[in-house]
Amino acid sequence: MDTKALSFRQLRAIWIALLVAAVVYIRIGETIKGPLNGQIKAWHWAIAALAAYGPIGAYIVRRKLMTQANALRASGNDLAAGRKWSAGQLVAIASSEAVVLWGLVARCMGSPAWLAPSCYFVGIMLLICYRPRPWPASPP
């Protein structure tokens, strides 16, 4: 059974939904702030590390999937290439959303004042940078 790749319109709808969800997460986090006792603990650094790891991993996986998609397309396998292309797009936007969610976790658990806003900002910027783009008309 062959499954079709997600269309550009479907990816764009998912991206818009995740962008709206990110704004909602930020609003929720800023509404229910956890208490901070002034000390930075190990789990604060763990959240910061996980938030930093997400975009790095997404970039590596997305680049690999896009390279495979281009190779498959050049060999004439458009169906598999489309699946790899849409998977690469989804990995990037989902990892960007995860950064915003780490900010929400940090804010709700009582993090330093810089941690949650940093996660929010980086996550939103990554969502904007990784917005889905149409599949090129011809292979590169």
Foldseek 3Di string as FASTA:
>chain_A
DADAADALVRLLVVLVVLLVVLVVLVVVLVVQFAAAPPDADPVLVVLVVLLVVLQVVLVVQLVVLQVVLLVCVVVPNNRSSRNSNRVSLVSQLVSLSVLSVSLSVCRNNHHPPPRSVVSSVSSSVSSVVSRDDHDDPHRD
